[in-house]
Amino acid sequence: IRIEIESLEFDFDRKISCSFGICSGIVNSLDEFEALVKRADKAL
């Protein structure tokens, strides 16, 4: 996806890029979900 976005051409004279922070895990509670989101945010 990152490569595809980077290769897009627009009518203005700028390149577009993006960064991603990704995590996966099994979430059984709100606390675990929030911890997973924090880890993804840190990776971003």
ModelCIF file with pLDDT and N, C-alpha, C, O atoms, coordinates in Angstrom:
data_MODEL
#
_entry.id   MODEL 
#
_entity.id                         1 
_entity.type                       polymer 
_entity.pdbx_number_of_molecules   1 
#
_entity_poly.entity_id                      1 
_entity_poly.type                           'polypeptide(L)' 
_entity_poly.nstd_linkage                   no 
_entity_poly.nstd_monomer                   no 
_entity_poly.pdbx_seq_one_letter_code       IRIEIESLEFDFDRKISCSFGICSGIVNSLDEFEALVKRADKAL 
_entity_poly.pdbx_seq_one_letter_code_can   IRIEIESLEFDFDRKISCSFGICSGIVNSLDEFEALVKRADKAL 
_entity_poly.pdbx_strand_id                 A 
#
loop_
_entity_poly_seq.entity_id 
_entity_poly_seq.num 
_entity_poly_seq.mon_id 
_entity_poly_seq.hetero 
1 1  ILE n 
1 2  ARG n 
1 3  ILE n 
1 4  GLU n 
1 5  ILE n 
1 6  GLU n 
1 7  SER n 
1 8  LEU n 
1 9  GLU n 
1 10 PHE n 
1 11 ASP n 
1 12 PHE n 
1 13 ASP n 
1 14 ARG n 
1 15 LYS n 
1 16 ILE n 
1 17 SER n 
1 18 CYS n 
1 19 SER n 
1 20 PHE n 
1 21 GLY n 
1 22 ILE n 
1 23 CYS n 
1 24 SER n 
1 25 GLY n 
1 26 ILE n 
1 27 VAL n 
1 28 ASN n 
1 29 SER n 
1 30 LEU n 
1 31 ASP n 
1 32 GLU n 
1 33 PHE n 
1 34 GLU n 
1 35 ALA n 
1 36 LEU n 
1 37 VAL n 
1 38 LYS n 
1 39 ARG n 
1 40 ALA n 
1 41 ASP n 
1 42 LYS n 
1 43 ALA n 
1 44 LEU n 
#
_struct_asym.id          A 
_struct_asym.entity_id   1 
#
loop_
_ma_qa_metric.id 
_ma_qa_metric.mode 
_ma_qa_metric.name 
_ma_qa_metric.software_group_id 
_ma_qa_metric.type 
1 global pLDDT . pLDDT 
2 local  pLDDT . pLDDT 
#
_ma_qa_metric_global.metric_id      1 
_ma_qa_metric_global.metric_value   92.07 
_ma_qa_metric_global.model_id       1 
_ma_qa_metric_global.ordinal_id     1 
#
loop_
_ma_qa_metric_local.label_asym_id 
_ma_qa_metric_local.label_comp_id 
_ma_qa_metric_local.label_seq_id 
_ma_qa_metric_local.metric_id 
_ma_qa_metric_local.metric_value 
_ma_qa_metric_local.model_id 
_ma_qa_metric_local.ordinal_id 
A ILE 1  2 94.00 1 1  
A ARG 2  2 93.00 1 2  
A ILE 3  2 93.00 1 3  
A GLU 4  2 93.00 1 4  
A ILE 5  2 92.00 1 5  
A GLU 6  2 91.00 1 6  
A SER 7  2 91.00 1 7  
A LEU 8  2 89.00 1 8  
A GLU 9  2 87.00 1 9  
A PHE 10 2 86.00 1 10 
A ASP 11 2 86.00 1 11 
A PHE 12 2 86.00 1 12 
A ASP 13 2 83.00 1 13 
A ARG 14 2 82.00 1 14 
A LYS 15 2 82.00 1 15 
A ILE 16 2 87.00 1 16 
A SER 17 2 88.00 1 17 
A CYS 18 2 92.00 1 18 
A SER 19 2 93.00 1 19 
A PHE 20 2 94.00 1 20 
A GLY 21 2 93.00 1 21 
A ILE 22 2 94.00 1 22 
A CYS 23 2 94.00 1 23 
A SER 24 2 92.00 1 24 
A GLY 25 2 92.00 1 25 
A ILE 26 2 93.00 1 26 
A VAL 27 2 95.00 1 27 
A ASN 28 2 96.00 1 28 
A SER 29 2 97.00 1 29 
A LEU 30 2 97.00 1 30 
A ASP 31 2 96.00 1 31 
A GLU 32 2 96.00 1 32 
A PHE 33 2 96.00 1 33 
A GLU 34 2 96.00 1 34 
A ALA 35 2 95.00 1 35 
A LEU 36 2 95.00 1 36 
A VAL 37 2 95.00 1 37 
A LYS 38 2 95.00 1 38 
A ARG 39 2 94.00 1 39 
A ALA 40 2 94.00 1 40 
A ASP 41 2 94.00 1 41 
A LYS 42 2 94.00 1 42 
A ALA 43 2 93.00 1 43 
A LEU 44 2 93.00 1 44 
#
loop_
_atom_site.group_PDB 
_atom_site.id 
_atom_site.type_symbol 
_atom_site.label_atom_id 
_atom_site.label_alt_id 
_atom_site.label_comp_id 
_atom_site.label_asym_id 
_atom_site.label_entity_id 
_atom_site.label_seq_id 
_atom_site.pdbx_PDB_ins_code 
_atom_site.Cartn_x 
_atom_site.Cartn_y 
_atom_site.Cartn_z 
_atom_site.occupancy 
_atom_site.B_iso_or_equiv 
_atom_site.pdbx_formal_charge 
_atom_site.auth_seq_id 
_atom_site.auth_comp_id 
_atom_site.auth_asym_id 
_atom_site.auth_atom_id 
_atom_site.pdbx_PDB_model_num 
ATOM 1   N N  . ILE A 1 1  ? 0.844   -1.199  0.000   1.00 94.00 ? 1  ILE A N  1 
ATOM 2   C CA . ILE A 1 1  ? 0.000   0.000   0.000   1.00 94.00 ? 1  ILE A CA 1 
ATOM 3   C C  . ILE A 1 1  ? 0.879   1.249   0.000   1.00 94.00 ? 1  ILE A C  1 
ATOM 4   O O  . ILE A 1 1  ? 0.614   2.198   -0.738  1.00 94.00 ? 1  ILE A O  1 
ATOM 5   N N  . ARG A 1 2  ? 1.925   1.248   0.829   1.00 93.00 ? 2  ARG A N  1 
ATOM 6   C CA . ARG A 1 2  ? 2.836   2.399   0.896   1.00 93.00 ? 2  ARG A CA 1 
ATOM 7   C C  . ARG A 1 2  ? 3.463   2.671   -0.463  1.00 93.00 ? 2  ARG A C  1 
ATOM 8   O O  . ARG A 1 2  ? 3.529   3.819   -0.901  1.00 93.00 ? 2  ARG A O  1 
ATOM 9   N N  . ILE A 1 3  ? 3.924   1.617   -1.131  1.00 93.00 ? 3  ILE A N  1 
ATOM 10  C CA . ILE A 1 3  ? 4.549   1.758   -2.448  1.00 93.00 ? 3  ILE A CA 1 
ATOM 11  C C  . ILE A 1 3  ? 3.538   2.283   -3.462  1.00 93.00 ? 3  ILE A C  1 
ATOM 12  O O  . ILE A 1 3  ? 3.866   3.142   -4.280  1.00 93.00 ? 3  ILE A O  1 
ATOM 13  N N  . GLU A 1 4  ? 2.317   1.772   -3.411  1.00 93.00 ? 4  GLU A N  1 
ATOM 14  C CA . GLU A 1 4  ? 1.275   2.226   -4.338  1.00 93.00 ? 4  GLU A CA 1 
ATOM 15  C C  . GLU A 1 4  ? 0.979   3.710   -4.138  1.00 93.00 ? 4  GLU A C  1 
ATOM 16  O O  . GLU A 1 4  ? 0.871   4.453   -5.113  1.00 93.00 ? 4  GLU A O  1 
ATOM 17  N N  . ILE A 1 5  ? 0.848   4.142   -2.908  1.00 92.00 ? 5  ILE A N  1 
ATOM 18  C CA . ILE A 1 5  ? 0.599   5.560   -2.625  1.00 92.00 ? 5  ILE A CA 1 
ATOM 19  C C  . ILE A 1 5  ? 1.749   6.406   -3.132  1.00 92.00 ? 5  ILE A C  1 
ATOM 20  O O  . ILE A 1 5  ? 1.529   7.456   -3.737  1.00 92.00 ? 5  ILE A O  1 
ATOM 21  N N  . GLU A 1 6  ? 2.973   5.964   -2.892  1.00 91.00 ? 6  GLU A N  1 
ATOM 22  C CA . GLU A 1 6  ? 4.153   6.709   -3.320  1.00 91.00 ? 6  GLU A CA 1 
ATOM 23  C C  . GLU A 1 6  ? 4.199   6.856   -4.850  1.00 91.00 ? 6  GLU A C  1 
ATOM 24  O O  . GLU A 1 6  ? 4.713   7.855   -5.354  1.00 91.00 ? 6  GLU A O  1 
ATOM 25  N N  . SER A 1 7  ? 3.676   5.890   -5.579  1.00 91.00 ? 7  SER A N  1 
ATOM 26  C CA . SER A 1 7  ? 3.752   5.916   -7.042  1.00 91.00 ? 7  SER A CA 1 
ATOM 27  C C  . SER A 1 7  ? 2.631   6.723   -7.701  1.00 91.00 ? 7  SER A C  1 
ATOM 28  O O  . SER A 1 7  ? 2.668   6.947   -8.911  1.00 91.00 ? 7  SER A O  1 
ATOM 29  N N  . LEU A 1 8  ? 1.649   7.158   -6.933  1.00 89.00 ? 8  LEU A N  1 
ATOM 30  C CA . LEU A 1 8  ? 0.540   7.920   -7.505  1.00 89.00 ? 8  LEU A CA 1 
ATOM 31  C C  . LEU A 1 8  ? 1.034   9.260   -8.050  1.00 89.00 ? 8  LEU A C  1 
ATOM 32  O O  . LEU A 1 8  ? 1.940   9.877   -7.490  1.00 89.00 ? 8  LEU A O  1 
ATOM 33  N N  . GLU A 1 9  ? 0.427   9.693   -9.139  1.00 87.00 ? 9  GLU A N  1 
ATOM 34  C CA . GLU A 1 9  ? 0.749   10.991  -9.729  1.00 87.00 ? 9  GLU A CA 1 
ATOM 35  C C  . GLU A 1 9  ? -0.459  11.898  -9.607  1.00 87.00 ? 9  GLU A C  1 
ATOM 36  O O  . GLU A 1 9  ? -1.595  11.476  -9.822  1.00 87.00 ? 9  GLU A O  1 
ATOM 37  N N  . PHE A 1 10 ? -0.202  13.148  -9.259  1.00 86.00 ? 10 PHE A N  1 
ATOM 38  C CA . PHE A 1 10 ? -1.258  14.132  -9.062  1.00 86.00 ? 10 PHE A CA 1 
ATOM 39  C C  . PHE A 1 10 ? -1.022  15.320  -9.986  1.00 86.00 ? 10 PHE A C  1 
ATOM 40  O O  . PHE A 1 10 ? 0.033   15.435  -10.612 1.00 86.00 ? 10 PHE A O  1 
ATOM 41  N N  . ASP A 1 11 ? -2.017  16.201  -10.064 1.00 86.00 ? 11 ASP A N  1 
ATOM 42  C CA . ASP A 1 11 ? -1.922  17.376  -10.917 1.00 86.00 ? 11 ASP A CA 1 
ATOM 43  C C  . ASP A 1 11 ? -1.052  18.477  -10.318 1.00 86.00 ? 11 ASP A C  1 
ATOM 44  O O  . ASP A 1 11 ? -0.776  19.472  -10.989 1.00 86.00 ? 11 ASP A O  1 
ATOM 45  N N  . PHE A 1 12 ? -0.627  18.324  -9.104  1.00 86.00 ? 12 PHE A N  1 
ATOM 46  C CA . PHE A 1 12 ? 0.245   19.321  -8.491  1.00 86.00 ? 12 PHE A CA 1 
ATOM 47  C C  . PHE A 1 12 ? 1.657   18.757  -8.398  1.00 86.00 ? 12 PHE A C  1 
ATOM 48  O O  . PHE A 1 12 ? 1.856   17.545  -8.465  1.00 86.00 ? 12 PHE A O  1 
ATOM 49  N N  . ASP A 1 13 ? 2.611   19.625  -8.246  1.00 83.00 ? 13 ASP A N  1 
ATOM 50  C CA . ASP A 1 13 ? 4.020   19.254  -8.326  1.00 83.00 ? 13 ASP A CA 1 
ATOM 51  C C  . ASP A 1 13 ? 4.573   18.823  -6.968  1.00 83.00 ? 13 ASP A C  1 
ATOM 52  O O  . ASP A 1 13 ? 5.510   19.434  -6.454  1.00 83.00 ? 13 ASP A O  1 
ATOM 53  N N  . ARG A 1 14 ? 3.993   17.774  -6.391  1.00 82.00 ? 14 ARG A N  1 
ATOM 54  C CA . ARG A 1 14 ? 4.472   17.234  -5.117  1.00 82.00 ? 14 ARG A CA 1 
ATOM 55  C C  . ARG A 1 14 ? 4.277   15.732  -5.115  1.00 82.00 ? 14 ARG A C  1 
ATOM 56  O O  . ARG A 1 14 ? 3.333   15.211  -5.709  1.00 82.00 ? 14 ARG A O  1 
ATOM 57  N N  . LYS A 1 15 ? 5.176   15.049  -4.443  1.00 82.00 ? 15 LYS A N  1 
ATOM 58  C CA . LYS A 1 15 ? 5.030   13.608  -4.231  1.00 82.00 ? 15 LYS A CA 1 
ATOM 59  C C  . LYS A 1 15 ? 4.326   13.390  -2.893  1.00 82.00 ? 15 LYS A C  1 
ATOM 60  O O  . LYS A 1 15 ? 4.523   14.147  -1.942  1.00 82.00 ? 15 LYS A O  1 
ATOM 61  N N  . ILE A 1 16 ? 3.530   12.377  -2.838  1.00 87.00 ? 16 ILE A N  1 
ATOM 62  C CA . ILE A 1 16 ? 2.823   12.009  -1.619  1.00 87.00 ? 16 ILE A CA 1 
ATOM 63  C C  . ILE A 1 16 ? 3.459   10.728  -1.078  1.00 87.00 ? 16 ILE A C  1 
ATOM 64  O O  . ILE A 1 16 ? 3.735   9.793   -1.829  1.00 87.00 ? 16 ILE A O  1 
ATOM 65  N N  . SER A 1 17 ? 3.682   10.703  0.210   1.00 88.00 ? 17 SER A N  1 
ATOM 66  C CA . SER A 1 17 ? 4.197   9.496   0.850   1.00 88.00 ? 17 SER A CA 1 
ATOM 67  C C  . SER A 1 17 ? 3.424   9.272   2.140   1.00 88.00 ? 17 SER A C  1 
ATOM 68  O O  . SER A 1 17 ? 2.644   10.126  2.561   1.00 88.00 ? 17 SER A O  1 
ATOM 69  N N  . CYS A 1 18 ? 3.642   8.130   2.761   1.00 92.00 ? 18 CYS A N  1 
ATOM 70  C CA . CYS A 1 18 ? 2.953   7.830   4.002   1.00 92.00 ? 18 CYS A CA 1 
ATOM 71  C C  . CYS A 1 18 ? 3.811   6.903   4.853   1.00 92.00 ? 18 CYS A C  1 
ATOM 72  O O  . CYS A 1 18 ? 4.675   6.181   4.355   1.00 92.00 ? 18 CYS A O  1 
ATOM 73  N N  . SER A 1 19 ? 3.549   6.948   6.123   1.00 93.00 ? 19 SER A N  1 
ATOM 74  C CA . SER A 1 19 ? 4.193   6.040   7.064   1.00 93.00 ? 19 SER A CA 1 
ATOM 75  C C  . SER A 1 19 ? 3.102   5.304   7.826   1.00 93.00 ? 19 SER A C  1 
ATOM 76  O O  . SER A 1 19 ? 2.012   5.833   8.043   1.00 93.00 ? 19 SER A O  1 
ATOM 77  N N  . PHE A 1 20 ? 3.410   4.084   8.227   1.00 94.00 ? 20 PHE A N  1 
ATOM 78  C CA . PHE A 1 20 ? 2.449   3.261   8.958   1.00 94.00 ? 20 PHE A CA 1 
ATOM 79  C C  . PHE A 1 20 ? 3.112   2.653   10.179  1.00 94.00 ? 20 PHE A C  1 
ATOM 80  O O  . PHE A 1 20 ? 4.279   2.262   10.134  1.00 94.00 ? 20 PHE A O  1 
ATOM 81  N N  . GLY A 1 21 ? 2.373   2.576   11.258  1.00 93.00 ? 21 GLY A N  1 
ATOM 82  C CA . GLY A 1 21 ? 2.750   1.790   12.419  1.00 93.00 ? 21 GLY A CA 1 
ATOM 83  C C  . GLY A 1 21 ? 1.700   0.704   12.583  1.00 93.00 ? 21 GLY A C  1 
ATOM 84  O O  . GLY A 1 21 ? 0.514   0.999   12.730  1.00 93.00 ? 21 GLY A O  1 
ATOM 85  N N  . ILE A 1 22 ? 2.122   -0.527  12.560  1.00 94.00 ? 22 ILE A N  1 
ATOM 86  C CA . ILE A 1 22 ? 1.143   -1.618  12.612  1.00 94.00 ? 22 ILE A CA 1 
ATOM 87  C C  . ILE A 1 22 ? 1.471   -2.592  13.748  1.00 94.00 ? 22 ILE A C  1 
ATOM 88  O O  . ILE A 1 22 ? 2.633   -2.834  14.075  1.00 94.00 ? 22 ILE A O  1 
ATOM 89  N N  . CYS A 1 23 ? 0.415   -3.133  14.326  1.00 94.00 ? 23 CYS A N  1 
ATOM 90  C CA . CYS A 1 23 ? 0.532   -4.147  15.374  1.00 94.00 ? 23 CYS A CA 1 
ATOM 91  C C  . CYS A 1 23 ? -0.599  -5.138  15.213  1.00 94.00 ? 23 CYS A C  1 
ATOM 92  O O  . CYS A 1 23 ? -1.645  -4.824  14.644  1.00 94.00 ? 23 CYS A O  1 
ATOM 93  N N  . SER A 1 24 ? -0.382  -6.311  15.710  1.00 92.00 ? 24 SER A N  1 
ATOM 94  C CA . SER A 1 24 ? -1.459  -7.292  15.740  1.00 92.00 ? 24 SER A CA 1 
ATOM 95  C C  . SER A 1 24 ? -1.439  -7.976  17.094  1.00 92.00 ? 24 SER A C  1 
ATOM 96  O O  . SER A 1 24 ? -0.416  -8.006  17.779  1.00 92.00 ? 24 SER A O  1 
ATOM 97  N N  . GLY A 1 25 ? -2.552  -8.509  17.458  1.00 92.00 ? 25 GLY A N  1 
ATOM 98  C CA . GLY A 1 25 ? -2.624  -9.209  18.723  1.00 92.00 ? 25 GLY A CA 1 
ATOM 99  C C  . GLY A 1 25 ? -4.052  -9.609  19.018  1.00 92.00 ? 25 GLY A C  1 
ATOM 100 O O  . GLY A 1 25 ? -4.990  -9.156  18.361  1.00 92.00 ? 25 GLY A O  1 
ATOM 101 N N  . ILE A 1 26 ? -4.203  -10.449 19.998  1.00 93.00 ? 26 ILE A N  1 
ATOM 102 C CA . ILE A 1 26 ? -5.526  -10.858 20.463  1.00 93.00 ? 26 ILE A CA 1 
ATOM 103 C C  . ILE A 1 26 ? -5.897  -9.953  21.625  1.00 93.00 ? 26 ILE A C  1 
ATOM 104 O O  . ILE A 1 26 ? -5.141  -9.804  22.585  1.00 93.00 ? 26 ILE A O  1 
ATOM 105 N N  . VAL A 1 27 ? -7.060  -9.362  21.520  1.00 95.00 ? 27 VAL A N  1 
ATOM 106 C CA . VAL A 1 27 ? -7.500  -8.388  22.516  1.00 95.00 ? 27 VAL A CA 1 
ATOM 107 C C  . VAL A 1 27 ? -8.720  -8.940  23.244  1.00 95.00 ? 27 VAL A C  1 
ATOM 108 O O  . VAL A 1 27 ? -9.731  -9.275  22.625  1.00 95.00 ? 27 VAL A O  1 
ATOM 109 N N  . ASN A 1 28 ? -8.609  -9.028  24.564  1.00 96.00 ? 28 ASN A N  1 
ATOM 110 C CA . ASN A 1 28 ? -9.712  -9.558  25.379  1.00 96.00 ? 28 ASN A CA 1 
ATOM 111 C C  . ASN A 1 28 ? -10.319 -8.520  26.307  1.00 96.00 ? 28 ASN A C  1 
ATOM 112 O O  . ASN A 1 28 ? -11.277 -8.806  27.026  1.00 96.00 ? 28 ASN A O  1 
ATOM 113 N N  . SER A 1 29 ? -9.760  -7.311  26.291  1.00 97.00 ? 29 SER A N  1 
ATOM 114 C CA . SER A 1 29 ? -10.293 -6.279  27.180  1.00 97.00 ? 29 SER A CA 1 
ATOM 115 C C  . SER A 1 29 ? -9.964  -4.904  26.607  1.00 97.00 ? 29 SER A C  1 
ATOM 116 O O  . SER A 1 29 ? -9.135  -4.774  25.706  1.00 97.00 ? 29 SER A O  1 
ATOM 117 N N  . LEU A 1 30 ? -10.621 -3.893  27.137  1.00 97.00 ? 30 LEU A N  1 
ATOM 118 C CA . LEU A 1 30 ? -10.362 -2.524  26.719  1.00 97.00 ? 30 LEU A CA 1 
ATOM 119 C C  . LEU A 1 30 ? -8.915  -2.139  27.020  1.00 97.00 ? 30 LEU A C  1 
ATOM 120 O O  . LEU A 1 30 ? -8.282  -1.456  26.216  1.00 97.00 ? 30 LEU A O  1 
ATOM 121 N N  . ASP A 1 31 ? -8.391  -2.562  28.152  1.00 96.00 ? 31 ASP A N  1 
ATOM 122 C CA . ASP A 1 31 ? -6.997  -2.262  28.504  1.00 96.00 ? 31 ASP A CA 1 
ATOM 123 C C  . ASP A 1 31 ? -6.032  -2.868  27.487  1.00 96.00 ? 31 ASP A C  1 
ATOM 124 O O  . ASP A 1 31 ? -5.069  -2.217  27.080  1.00 96.00 ? 31 ASP A O  1 
ATOM 125 N N  . GLU A 1 32 ? -6.284  -4.093  27.083  1.00 96.00 ? 32 GLU A N  1 
ATOM 126 C CA . GLU A 1 32 ? -5.422  -4.732  26.086  1.00 96.00 ? 32 GLU A CA 1 
ATOM 127 C C  . GLU A 1 32 ? -5.529  -4.019  24.739  1.00 96.00 ? 32 GLU A C  1 
ATOM 128 O O  . GLU A 1 32 ? -4.530  -3.866  24.036  1.00 96.00 ? 32 GLU A O  1 
ATOM 129 N N  . PHE A 1 33 ? -6.734  -3.584  24.381  1.00 96.00 ? 33 PHE A N  1 
ATOM 130 C CA . PHE A 1 33 ? -6.930  -2.837  23.137  1.00 96.00 ? 33 PHE A CA 1 
ATOM 131 C C  . PHE A 1 33 ? -6.144  -1.531  23.178  1.00 96.00 ? 33 PHE A C  1 
ATOM 132 O O  . PHE A 1 33 ? -5.442  -1.193  22.224  1.00 96.00 ? 33 PHE A O  1 
ATOM 133 N N  . GLU A 1 34 ? -6.263  -0.797  24.284  1.00 96.00 ? 34 GLU A N  1 
ATOM 134 C CA . GLU A 1 34 ? -5.552  0.477   24.411  1.00 96.00 ? 34 GLU A CA 1 
ATOM 135 C C  . GLU A 1 34 ? -4.037  0.271   24.370  1.00 96.00 ? 34 GLU A C  1 
ATOM 136 O O  . GLU A 1 34 ? -3.320  1.089   23.795  1.00 96.00 ? 34 GLU A O  1 
ATOM 137 N N  . ALA A 1 35 ? -3.551  -0.797  24.966  1.00 95.00 ? 35 ALA A N  1 
ATOM 138 C CA . ALA A 1 35 ? -2.119  -1.099  24.925  1.00 95.00 ? 35 ALA A CA 1 
ATOM 139 C C  . ALA A 1 35 ? -1.669  -1.404  23.493  1.00 95.00 ? 35 ALA A C  1 
ATOM 140 O O  . ALA A 1 35 ? -0.589  -0.986  23.074  1.00 95.00 ? 35 ALA A O  1 
ATOM 141 N N  . LEU A 1 36 ? -2.493  -2.126  22.754  1.00 95.00 ? 36 LEU A N  1 
ATOM 142 C CA . LEU A 1 36 ? -2.165  -2.439  21.365  1.00 95.00 ? 36 LEU A CA 1 
ATOM 143 C C  . LEU A 1 36 ? -2.120  -1.169  20.520  1.00 95.00 ? 36 LEU A C  1 
ATOM 144 O O  . LEU A 1 36 ? -1.217  -1.005  19.699  1.00 95.00 ? 36 LEU A O  1 
ATOM 145 N N  . VAL A 1 37 ? -3.078  -0.277  20.711  1.00 95.00 ? 37 VAL A N  1 
ATOM 146 C CA . VAL A 1 37 ? -3.097  0.990   19.973  1.00 95.00 ? 37 VAL A CA 1 
ATOM 147 C C  . VAL A 1 37 ? -1.864  1.826   20.329  1.00 95.00 ? 37 VAL A C  1 
ATOM 148 O O  . VAL A 1 37 ? -1.265  2.445   19.449  1.00 95.00 ? 37 VAL A O  1 
ATOM 149 N N  . LYS A 1 38 ? -1.487  1.849   21.587  1.00 95.00 ? 38 LYS A N  1 
ATOM 150 C CA . LYS A 1 38 ? -0.285  2.594   21.994  1.00 95.00 ? 38 LYS A CA 1 
ATOM 151 C C  . LYS A 1 38 ? 0.964   2.030   21.329  1.00 95.00 ? 38 LYS A C  1 
ATOM 152 O O  . LYS A 1 38 ? 1.845   2.787   20.922  1.00 95.00 ? 38 LYS A O  1 
ATOM 153 N N  . ARG A 1 39 ? 1.047   0.711   21.215  1.00 94.00 ? 39 ARG A N  1 
ATOM 154 C CA . ARG A 1 39 ? 2.201   0.097   20.546  1.00 94.00 ? 39 ARG A CA 1 
ATOM 155 C C  . ARG A 1 39 ? 2.224   0.463   19.063  1.00 94.00 ? 39 ARG A C  1 
ATOM 156 O O  . ARG A 1 39 ? 3.289   0.735   18.509  1.00 94.00 ? 39 ARG A O  1 
ATOM 157 N N  . ALA A 1 40 ? 1.071   0.472   18.424  1.00 94.00 ? 40 ALA A N  1 
ATOM 158 C CA . ALA A 1 40 ? 0.994   0.862   17.017  1.00 94.00 ? 40 ALA A CA 1 
ATOM 159 C C  . ALA A 1 40 ? 1.368   2.327   16.849  1.00 94.00 ? 40 ALA A C  1 
ATOM 160 O O  . ALA A 1 40 ? 2.067   2.682   15.900  1.00 94.00 ? 40 ALA A O  1 
ATOM 161 N N  . ASP A 1 41 ? 0.914   3.177   17.755  1.00 94.00 ? 41 ASP A N  1 
ATOM 162 C CA . ASP A 1 41 ? 1.239   4.597   17.714  1.00 94.00 ? 41 ASP A CA 1 
ATOM 163 C C  . ASP A 1 41 ? 2.744   4.819   17.873  1.00 94.00 ? 41 ASP A C  1 
ATOM 164 O O  . ASP A 1 41 ? 3.334   5.651   17.184  1.00 94.00 ? 41 ASP A O  1 
ATOM 165 N N  . LYS A 1 42 ? 3.352   4.070   18.781  1.00 94.00 ? 42 LYS A N  1 
ATOM 166 C CA . LYS A 1 42 ? 4.798   4.154   18.989  1.00 94.00 ? 42 LYS A CA 1 
ATOM 167 C C  . LYS A 1 42 ? 5.545   3.724   17.722  1.00 94.00 ? 42 LYS A C  1 
ATOM 168 O O  . LYS A 1 42 ? 6.544   4.340   17.350  1.00 94.00 ? 42 LYS A O  1 
ATOM 169 N N  . ALA A 1 43 ? 5.065   2.675   17.066  1.00 93.00 ? 43 ALA A N  1 
ATOM 170 C CA . ALA A 1 43 ? 5.678   2.219   15.820  1.00 93.00 ? 43 ALA A CA 1 
ATOM 171 C C  . ALA A 1 43 ? 5.535   3.277   14.730  1.00 93.00 ? 43 ALA A C  1 
ATOM 172 O O  . ALA A 1 43 ? 6.455   3.473   13.936  1.00 93.00 ? 43 ALA A O  1 
ATOM 173 N N  . LEU A 1 44 ? 4.396   3.956   14.683  1.00 93.00 ? 44 LEU A N  1 
ATOM 174 C CA . LEU A 1 44 ? 4.198   5.018   13.697  1.00 93.00 ? 44 LEU A CA 1 
ATOM 175 C C  . LEU A 1 44 ? 5.190   6.152   13.920  1.00 93.00 ? 44 LEU A C  1 
ATOM 176 O O  . LEU A 1 44 ? 5.176   7.139   13.184  1.00 93.00 ? 44 LEU A O  1 
#
